[in-house]
Protein backbone atom coordinates (compact mmCIF):
# COMPACT_ATOMS: atom_id res chain seq x y z
CA MET A 1 -24.81 54.37 -15.24
CA LEU A 2 -27.20 51.34 -17.16
CA PRO A 3 -30.54 51.64 -16.26
CA ALA A 4 -31.87 48.67 -14.30
CA ILE A 5 -34.60 45.94 -14.06
CA ILE A 6 -36.42 44.74 -10.84
CA LEU A 7 -37.50 41.61 -10.41
CA ALA A 8 -40.60 42.16 -8.17
CA GLY A 9 -43.10 39.60 -9.30
CA GLY A 10 -42.47 37.15 -5.98
CA LEU A 11 -45.21 35.62 -4.21
CA GLY A 12 -43.66 35.33 -0.83
CA SER A 13 -45.28 32.01 -0.19
CA ARG A 14 -42.80 31.48 3.19
CA LEU A 15 -43.49 34.85 4.65
CA GLN A 16 -47.67 34.99 3.92
CA THR A 17 -48.65 34.70 7.71
CA VAL A 18 -46.51 38.34 7.80
CA LEU A 19 -47.35 40.09 4.40
CA LYS A 20 -50.87 39.13 4.41
CA GLU A 21 -51.40 38.45 0.86
CA LEU A 22 -49.14 41.74 -0.12
CA PRO A 23 -46.62 41.02 -2.93
CA LYS A 24 -42.80 39.98 -1.63
CA PRO A 25 -41.40 43.21 -2.77
CA MET A 26 -44.02 45.16 -0.77
CA ALA A 27 -42.97 43.63 2.81
CA PRO A 28 -42.97 46.21 5.23
CA VAL A 29 -39.48 46.84 6.67
CA ALA A 30 -38.33 49.80 8.94
CA GLY A 31 -41.74 51.31 7.67
CA ARG A 32 -41.00 51.28 3.75
CA PRO A 33 -41.81 48.52 1.39
CA PHE A 34 -38.43 46.35 0.83
CA LEU A 35 -39.05 47.59 -2.64
CA THR A 36 -38.27 51.14 -1.64
CA TYR A 37 -34.58 50.13 -0.66
CA LEU A 38 -33.77 48.73 -4.06
CA LEU A 39 -35.33 51.78 -5.46
CA GLU A 40 -33.11 54.15 -3.46
CA GLN A 41 -30.08 52.42 -4.18
CA CYS A 42 -30.56 52.71 -7.61
CA ARG A 43 -31.51 56.28 -7.41
CA GLN A 44 -28.57 57.54 -5.13
CA GLN A 45 -25.90 55.49 -7.72
CA GLY A 46 -27.64 57.62 -10.50
CA VAL A 47 -29.53 54.92 -12.39
CA PRO A 48 -31.47 56.45 -15.38
CA GLU A 49 -34.73 54.67 -15.19
CA VAL A 50 -36.17 51.28 -13.80
CA ILE A 51 -38.53 48.52 -15.18
CA LEU A 52 -40.52 46.92 -12.55
CA SER A 53 -41.35 43.31 -13.67
CA VAL A 54 -44.42 42.93 -11.85
CA GLY A 55 -47.09 39.52 -11.55
CA TYR A 56 -48.51 38.46 -7.85
CA LYS A 57 -50.67 41.80 -6.37
CA TRP A 58 -48.71 44.01 -8.67
CA GLU A 59 -51.77 46.54 -8.70
CA ALA A 60 -50.67 47.44 -5.09
CA ILE A 61 -46.85 47.89 -6.42
CA GLN A 62 -48.23 50.18 -8.84
CA GLN A 63 -50.97 51.89 -6.81
CA TYR A 64 -47.75 52.63 -4.13
CA PHE A 65 -45.12 54.04 -6.54
CA GLY A 66 -46.46 55.30 -9.41
CA SER A 67 -44.65 56.04 -12.13
CA SER A 68 -41.80 57.75 -11.35
CA TYR A 69 -39.41 57.23 -7.86
CA HIS A 70 -38.04 60.68 -6.32
CA GLY A 71 -37.56 61.66 -10.31
CA MET A 72 -36.26 58.81 -11.66
CA PRO A 73 -38.72 57.09 -14.10
CA LEU A 74 -40.68 53.89 -13.51
CA HIS A 75 -41.83 51.39 -15.81
CA TYR A 76 -43.62 48.12 -15.53
CA ALA A 77 -44.10 44.78 -17.33
CA VAL A 78 -46.84 42.33 -16.12
CA GLU A 79 -46.56 38.72 -16.05
CA THR A 80 -50.54 37.66 -16.68
CA ASP A 81 -49.28 34.26 -16.33
CA PRO A 82 -45.84 33.38 -13.67
CA LEU A 83 -43.46 33.29 -16.01
CA GLY A 84 -40.06 32.33 -13.87
CA THR A 85 -37.35 35.23 -13.56
CA GLY A 86 -35.81 34.28 -17.04
CA GLY A 87 -39.43 34.38 -19.03
CA ALA A 88 -40.69 37.60 -16.21
CA LEU A 89 -36.72 39.20 -17.53
CA ARG A 90 -37.09 38.68 -21.09
CA LEU A 91 -40.47 39.63 -20.81
CA ALA A 92 -39.48 43.12 -18.97
CA MET A 93 -36.85 43.23 -21.82
CA GLN A 94 -39.45 43.88 -24.35
CA GLN A 95 -39.59 47.47 -23.17
CA ALA A 96 -36.02 48.06 -22.98
CA ALA A 97 -33.63 49.87 -25.13
CA ALA A 98 -30.35 49.69 -24.08
CA ASP A 99 -27.67 46.54 -24.63
CA ASP A 100 -27.04 45.78 -21.09
CA TYR A 101 -29.28 46.26 -18.05
CA LEU A 102 -28.83 45.63 -14.52
CA VAL A 103 -31.20 43.47 -12.72
CA LEU A 104 -32.25 42.96 -9.43
CA ASN A 105 -33.94 40.48 -7.52
CA GLY A 106 -36.76 42.00 -5.60
CA ASP A 107 -36.43 40.27 -2.42
CA SER A 108 -32.72 40.76 -1.70
CA PHE A 109 -30.60 44.01 -0.81
CA PHE A 110 -26.90 43.51 -1.40
CA ASP A 111 -24.79 47.36 -0.70
CA VAL A 112 -22.97 46.85 -4.00
CA SER A 113 -21.29 49.58 -6.31
CA LEU A 114 -23.91 49.15 -9.24
CA GLN A 115 -20.91 50.96 -11.40
CA ALA A 116 -18.37 48.95 -10.55
CA LEU A 117 -20.24 45.92 -11.51
CA SER A 118 -21.27 47.69 -14.67
CA LEU A 119 -17.33 48.90 -15.33
CA PHE A 120 -16.72 45.10 -15.31
CA HIS A 121 -19.26 43.70 -17.29
CA ALA A 122 -17.76 46.28 -19.97
CA SER A 123 -14.43 45.71 -19.89
CA HIS A 124 -14.33 41.89 -19.95
CA ARG A 125 -17.09 42.22 -22.71
CA SER A 126 -19.55 39.83 -20.89
CA VAL A 127 -23.03 38.53 -21.64
CA LEU A 128 -23.44 38.32 -18.12
CA THR A 129 -22.21 39.11 -14.84
CA LEU A 130 -22.72 38.32 -11.21
CA ALA A 131 -22.23 40.47 -8.19
CA LEU A 132 -20.58 37.78 -5.41
CA LYS A 133 -20.46 38.01 -1.69
CA GLU A 134 -18.14 35.89 0.32
CA MET A 135 -19.76 34.21 2.78
CA THR A 136 -19.25 31.86 5.91
CA ASP A 137 -21.05 28.48 7.28
CA PHE A 138 -24.19 29.07 5.33
CA GLU A 139 -26.60 26.45 3.41
CA ARG A 140 -29.06 28.86 1.56
CA TYR A 141 -27.70 29.46 -1.09
CA GLY A 142 -25.13 27.78 -4.02
CA LYS A 143 -21.20 28.70 -4.22
CA VAL A 144 -20.31 30.22 -7.10
CA GLU A 145 -16.39 29.14 -8.69
CA THR A 146 -14.46 32.03 -10.78
CA ASP A 147 -11.03 31.61 -12.23
CA LEU A 148 -8.66 34.28 -11.26
CA GLN A 149 -9.51 36.46 -14.25
CA GLY A 150 -13.55 36.36 -13.02
CA ARG A 151 -15.12 33.91 -15.66
CA ILE A 152 -17.39 32.00 -13.91
CA LEU A 153 -16.28 27.93 -13.99
CA SER A 154 -19.41 26.59 -12.25
CA PHE A 155 -22.21 26.70 -10.31
CA HIS A 156 -22.69 24.73 -7.33
CA GLU A 157 -26.09 23.63 -5.55
CA LYS A 158 -27.42 24.63 -2.24
CA GLY A 159 -26.49 22.95 0.60
CA PRO A 160 -24.10 23.21 3.67
CA CYS A 161 -20.66 25.18 2.63
CA ALA A 162 -17.70 26.26 5.27
CA SER A 163 -17.06 29.57 3.48
CA GLY A 164 -17.82 30.54 -0.55
CA LEU A 165 -18.55 33.04 -3.14
CA ILE A 166 -22.52 33.45 -3.69
CA ASN A 167 -24.55 34.68 -5.75
CA THR A 168 -26.79 37.63 -4.67
CA GLY A 169 -29.11 38.20 -7.24
CA ILE A 170 -27.54 41.47 -9.03
CA TYR A 171 -26.51 41.25 -12.56
CA VAL A 172 -25.65 42.79 -15.75
CA VAL A 173 -27.56 41.24 -18.45
CA ASN A 174 -26.42 41.52 -22.45
CA ARG A 175 -30.04 42.16 -23.40
CA ARG A 176 -29.56 41.04 -27.17
CA TRP A 177 -27.95 37.71 -26.06
CA LEU A 178 -31.12 36.83 -23.80
CA GLN A 179 -33.16 37.82 -26.42
CA GLY A 180 -31.68 35.56 -29.07
CA GLN A 181 -31.51 32.11 -26.66
CA PRO A 182 -33.65 29.88 -27.57
CA LEU A 183 -36.09 28.69 -24.79
CA PRO A 184 -39.66 28.61 -23.57
CA GLU A 185 -41.97 31.31 -22.62
CA ARG A 186 -41.31 30.53 -19.04
CA PHE A 187 -38.27 29.26 -17.97
CA SER A 188 -35.79 29.76 -14.89
CA PHE A 189 -32.40 32.36 -15.36
CA GLU A 190 -30.64 30.63 -13.23
CA GLN A 191 -31.41 26.99 -13.84
CA ASP A 192 -31.61 27.14 -17.30
CA LEU A 193 -29.92 29.39 -18.61
CA MET A 194 -27.14 30.34 -16.07
CA GLU A 195 -26.60 26.76 -14.64
CA LYS A 196 -26.60 25.19 -18.52
CA GLY A 197 -25.02 28.02 -20.10
CA VAL A 198 -21.99 28.23 -18.21
CA ASP A 199 -19.61 26.22 -19.87
CA GLN A 200 -20.87 27.63 -23.49
CA PHE A 201 -20.93 31.04 -23.00
CA PRO A 202 -18.91 34.31 -20.99
CA PHE A 203 -20.08 34.74 -17.78
CA PHE A 204 -17.83 36.76 -15.21
CA ALA A 205 -18.60 37.34 -11.65
CA GLN A 206 -17.11 40.66 -9.76
CA PRO A 207 -16.95 40.01 -5.57
CA GLN A 208 -17.84 42.96 -3.13
CA SER A 209 -18.01 43.43 0.43
CA GLY A 210 -20.80 44.90 1.26
CA TYR A 211 -23.88 44.31 3.28
CA PHE A 212 -26.50 41.52 2.22
CA ILE A 213 -29.78 40.27 2.81
CA ASP A 214 -32.30 38.07 1.24
CA ILE A 215 -36.37 38.19 2.83
CA GLY A 216 -36.96 35.28 1.58
CA ILE A 217 -37.49 33.61 5.23
CA PRO A 218 -38.87 34.96 8.36
CA HIS A 219 -35.63 34.96 10.54
CA ASP A 220 -34.01 37.28 7.76
CA TYR A 221 -37.00 39.29 7.14
CA ALA A 222 -37.18 40.12 10.72
CA ARG A 223 -33.51 40.78 10.61
CA ALA A 224 -33.63 43.21 8.17
CA LYS A 225 -36.63 44.96 9.60
CA GLU A 226 -34.02 45.59 12.78
CA GLU A 227 -31.05 46.53 10.26
CA MET A 228 -31.85 48.15 6.80
CA GLY A 229 -33.34 51.50 7.82
CA ARG A 230 -29.81 52.89 7.78
CA PHE A 231 -29.50 52.48 3.90
CA MET A 232 -32.62 55.00 3.66
CA LEU A 233 -30.49 57.44 5.37
CA PRO A 234 -29.83 60.45 2.77
CA PRO A 235 -26.32 60.96 1.11
CA PRO A 236 -23.93 61.74 2.47
CA LEU A 237 -25.64 59.99 5.26
CA GLY A 238 -26.29 56.74 3.74
CA ARG A 239 -24.58 53.38 2.29
CA VAL A 240 -20.79 55.40 1.97
CA ALA A 241 -21.02 58.14 4.75
CA LYS A 242 -18.36 59.06 6.58
CA LEU A 243 -19.13 61.93 8.66
CA PRO A 244 -15.65 63.98 9.34
CA GLY A 245 -16.90 67.71 10.67
CA TRP A 246 -20.49 66.86 10.55
CA THR A 247 -22.73 68.09 13.61
CA LEU A 248 -25.16 66.34 15.70
CA PHE A 249 -28.23 68.53 16.61
CA LEU A 250 -30.55 66.82 19.52
CA ASP A 251 -33.72 67.96 20.97
CA ARG A 252 -33.97 66.95 24.38
CA ASP A 253 -37.28 66.00 25.29
CA GLY A 254 -38.72 63.26 23.67
CA VAL A 255 -35.50 62.45 22.20
CA ILE A 256 -32.97 62.06 25.40
CA ASN A 257 -35.38 61.64 27.78
CA GLU A 258 -39.31 60.93 28.57
CA LYS A 259 -41.55 64.07 27.23
CA LEU A 260 -44.15 64.33 29.83
CA GLU A 261 -47.21 65.04 28.33
CA GLY A 262 -49.17 68.20 29.76
CA ASP A 263 -46.33 69.42 32.24
CA TYR A 264 -42.09 70.51 31.95
CA VAL A 265 -39.60 68.13 33.16
CA ARG A 266 -38.74 70.80 36.41
CA ASN A 267 -36.01 68.50 38.12
CA LEU A 268 -33.63 65.95 38.47
CA ASP A 269 -36.58 63.33 40.05
CA SER A 270 -38.96 64.89 37.07
CA PHE A 271 -36.20 63.01 34.55
CA THR A 272 -36.24 59.75 32.93
CA TRP A 273 -33.94 58.58 30.32
CA LYS A 274 -35.60 57.28 26.69
CA GLU A 275 -34.86 53.37 26.70
CA GLY A 276 -31.26 52.92 24.98
CA ALA A 277 -30.57 56.85 25.28
CA LEU A 278 -27.67 56.71 27.29
CA ASP A 279 -25.78 54.05 25.41
CA ALA A 280 -26.79 55.45 22.12
CA LEU A 281 -25.57 58.68 23.17
CA ALA A 282 -22.13 57.34 23.35
CA LYS A 283 -22.00 55.49 20.28
CA LEU A 284 -22.97 58.53 18.23
CA SER A 285 -20.74 60.90 19.99
CA ARG A 286 -17.84 58.29 18.32
CA VAL A 287 -19.93 59.13 14.96
CA PHE A 288 -20.15 62.94 14.48
CA HIS A 289 -17.13 65.80 15.54
CA ARG A 290 -19.59 67.36 17.40
CA VAL A 291 -22.94 66.70 19.26
CA VAL A 292 -25.12 70.02 20.84
CA VAL A 293 -28.42 69.52 22.72
CA VAL A 294 -30.91 72.33 21.64
CA THR A 295 -33.97 72.58 23.86
CA ASN A 296 -37.05 74.59 24.52
CA GLN A 297 -37.66 75.48 28.21
CA GLN A 298 -40.57 77.84 28.25
CA GLY A 299 -41.35 76.08 32.40
CA ILE A 300 -38.74 78.98 33.16
CA GLY A 301 -40.98 81.24 31.49
CA LYS A 302 -43.81 80.05 33.12
CA GLN A 303 -41.83 79.90 36.38
CA LEU A 304 -42.39 76.27 37.33
CA MET A 305 -38.67 75.76 37.66
CA THR A 306 -35.61 77.88 37.36
CA GLU A 307 -32.53 78.10 35.77
CA GLU A 308 -30.62 76.83 38.77
CA ASP A 309 -33.13 73.74 38.55
CA LEU A 310 -32.34 73.34 34.55
CA GLY A 311 -28.86 73.29 35.47
CA THR A 312 -28.95 70.88 37.95
CA ILE A 313 -30.47 68.42 35.06
CA HIS A 314 -28.36 69.27 32.96
CA ARG A 315 -25.04 68.67 34.55
CA HIS A 316 -26.40 65.16 35.27
CA LEU A 317 -27.30 64.32 31.30
CA LEU A 318 -23.93 65.68 30.79
CA GLN A 319 -21.71 63.47 33.88
CA LYS A 320 -23.69 60.27 32.78
CA VAL A 321 -23.05 60.68 28.96
CA ALA A 322 -19.66 60.97 30.03
CA GLY A 323 -19.48 58.25 32.01
CA ALA A 324 -21.02 56.13 29.36
CA GLY A 325 -17.79 56.70 27.14
CA GLY A 326 -20.18 59.66 25.38
CA ARG A 327 -19.95 63.24 24.74
CA ILE A 328 -22.12 66.28 24.45
CA ASP A 329 -20.38 69.27 23.79
CA ALA A 330 -22.76 71.95 24.43
CA ILE A 331 -27.01 72.49 25.79
CA TYR A 332 -28.85 75.27 24.95
CA HIS A 333 -32.12 76.09 26.12
CA ALA A 334 -34.59 78.85 25.06
CA PRO A 335 -36.36 79.64 28.41
CA GLN A 336 -38.77 82.16 26.77
CA LEU A 337 -42.61 81.62 26.42
CA ALA A 338 -43.79 80.57 22.83
CA ALA A 339 -46.33 83.67 22.93
CA GLU A 340 -43.20 85.65 22.83
CA LYS A 341 -42.10 84.22 19.75
CA SER A 342 -38.44 84.94 20.54
CA GLU A 343 -35.85 83.86 17.46
CA ARG A 344 -33.70 81.69 19.78
CA ARG A 345 -36.78 79.29 20.70
CA LYS A 346 -37.29 76.62 17.78
CA PRO A 347 -37.86 77.15 15.37
CA GLY A 348 -35.97 79.79 15.32
CA THR A 349 -32.36 79.84 14.47
CA GLY A 350 -31.16 82.01 17.98
CA MET A 351 -29.52 78.75 19.50
CA ALA A 352 -27.53 77.27 16.80
CA LEU A 353 -26.38 80.45 15.83
CA GLU A 354 -24.55 80.63 19.59
CA ALA A 355 -23.12 77.32 19.11
CA GLN A 356 -21.50 78.18 15.92
CA ARG A 357 -20.20 81.27 17.53
CA ASP A 358 -18.89 78.86 20.33
CA PHE A 359 -17.53 76.37 17.78
CA PRO A 360 -17.23 78.00 14.72
CA ASP A 361 -15.99 74.59 12.93
CA ILE A 362 -19.96 73.79 12.73
CA ARG A 363 -21.34 74.24 9.23
CA PHE A 364 -25.62 73.94 8.97
CA GLU A 365 -25.20 71.75 5.65
CA GLU A 366 -23.21 69.40 7.22
CA SER A 367 -25.29 68.98 10.33
CA VAL A 368 -28.08 66.51 11.42
CA MET A 369 -31.15 67.65 13.51
CA VAL A 370 -32.75 65.18 15.04
CA GLY A 371 -36.43 65.62 17.23
CA ASP A 372 -39.38 64.85 17.80
CA SER A 373 -42.02 67.77 16.77
CA GLN A 374 -42.50 70.07 13.58
CA GLY A 375 -40.39 72.85 15.07
CA ASP A 376 -37.34 70.63 15.32
CA MET A 377 -38.06 70.17 11.35
CA GLU A 378 -38.69 73.66 10.80
CA PHE A 379 -35.31 74.59 13.06
CA GLY A 380 -33.37 72.14 10.68
CA SER A 381 -34.84 72.81 7.55
CA ARG A 382 -34.42 76.86 7.84
CA LEU A 383 -30.42 76.10 8.44
CA GLY A 384 -30.09 73.43 5.71
CA MET A 385 -29.64 70.54 7.88
CA VAL A 386 -30.30 67.23 7.59
CA ASN A 387 -33.31 66.07 9.58
CA ILE A 388 -34.32 63.13 11.88
CA PHE A 389 -37.96 62.59 13.18
CA LEU A 390 -38.22 60.22 16.01
CA GLY A 391 -41.13 58.82 16.10
CA LYS A 392 -43.63 56.65 14.83
CA ARG A 393 -42.12 55.25 11.44
CA GLU A 394 -45.53 56.14 9.59
CA ASP A 395 -45.25 59.81 10.93
CA THR A 396 -42.64 61.20 8.81
CA HIS A 397 -43.12 65.21 8.66
CA PRO A 398 -42.65 67.65 6.29
CA GLY A 399 -39.06 68.48 5.91
CA SER A 400 -37.56 65.38 7.43
CA VAL A 401 -35.49 62.61 5.32
CA ILE A 402 -36.93 60.08 7.49
CA SER A 403 -38.02 58.44 10.74
CA CYS A 404 -36.81 56.65 12.92
CA SER A 405 -38.41 54.90 16.76
CA SER A 406 -35.54 56.07 18.95
CA LEU A 407 -32.19 57.21 19.27
CA ARG A 408 -30.92 53.58 19.66
CA GLU A 409 -31.83 52.60 16.35
CA LEU A 410 -30.98 55.77 14.81
CA ALA A 411 -27.39 54.80 16.71
CA ARG A 412 -27.35 51.22 15.51
CA TRP A 413 -28.00 52.58 11.82
CA MET A 414 -24.61 54.62 12.31
CA GLU A 415 -22.24 52.28 13.68
CA PRO A 416 -20.62 51.66 11.08
CA TYR A 417 -19.51 54.89 10.58
CA LYS A 418 -17.82 55.07 13.69
CA THR A 419 -14.27 56.67 13.92
């Protein structure tokens, strides 16, 4: 896999009302800077190192990410004066050693196979290869024309277009070729090199069909905040995830229904669904092979409610989910008091082991635990599950891989993977 350069010097003038003087790549999206999604894409696909081409307020980027991202080295090429996209890229390549580099724009995301793009570039002996995306009814992007072999014939300016291939801002660039071009210190990579050089140099392009978004305008930035959280799900729940045989374990109170602070859901009258949870359970049951609820219920141990009360609540839960077109395979509960330190009660693993006895196809290493407490996260970690914390995005708990705000949001992330 090739190393990468990310052009992360954007000012984001059209987003300043929401960015409050942050550089555009630091725009918060689902609780993380937008740049995180590009770095995660590189990390998950095996990019060995990344050079960040930075400028405006670059210290905020360095302070947040430091010198590595989950073990992937990060280097910084700092513009003291704006150099344009071409000048910034050429400055970054002064730190480069490889012949070819992946280049990503820091304000757009394309769910692309970087390896496929790199192999296409090498097989065509190209000096510049673009990742393209087919779109319909657009006017924000210029259209790219290619021949049957993928060689770029022309670039068309932005304007209303019924359909066509657009430049997504992901390239493979030959370093020696770029450094050899007689261009000024400040120049536009797109206008001064790509568009003017298309008849002179072998430029190629590879269309891919993944999700694409550019956060350059407020409308699309708002859309990114709603749609992009799923791209931070860890492998194999991430970009190419399919879940044959996977099990979803769910806590109940605070996840499926509203938690009563300082009290217990003692009867059906006090059971209130979390907003969107019922529909989310229906959708998630079409993604996962098994859906299992595991819930601590020491209200029974405290004699505040009975097993019969709990049974009434759980029958209601199962019937409602089934009526919505979903499925919960089983519900397990632990009535023991916390003081008993029972292994059945989370973070003890007793309920999960019982579920595995009832459903021998459950594999904990192919299971997800969704909960709203540290005990839930420890429960999943003890069994080797993937943990997802439900709560405020900034409250990612130790042992969890990601936070999301609700089951509805998780279901939206996982929707592309339904069977």
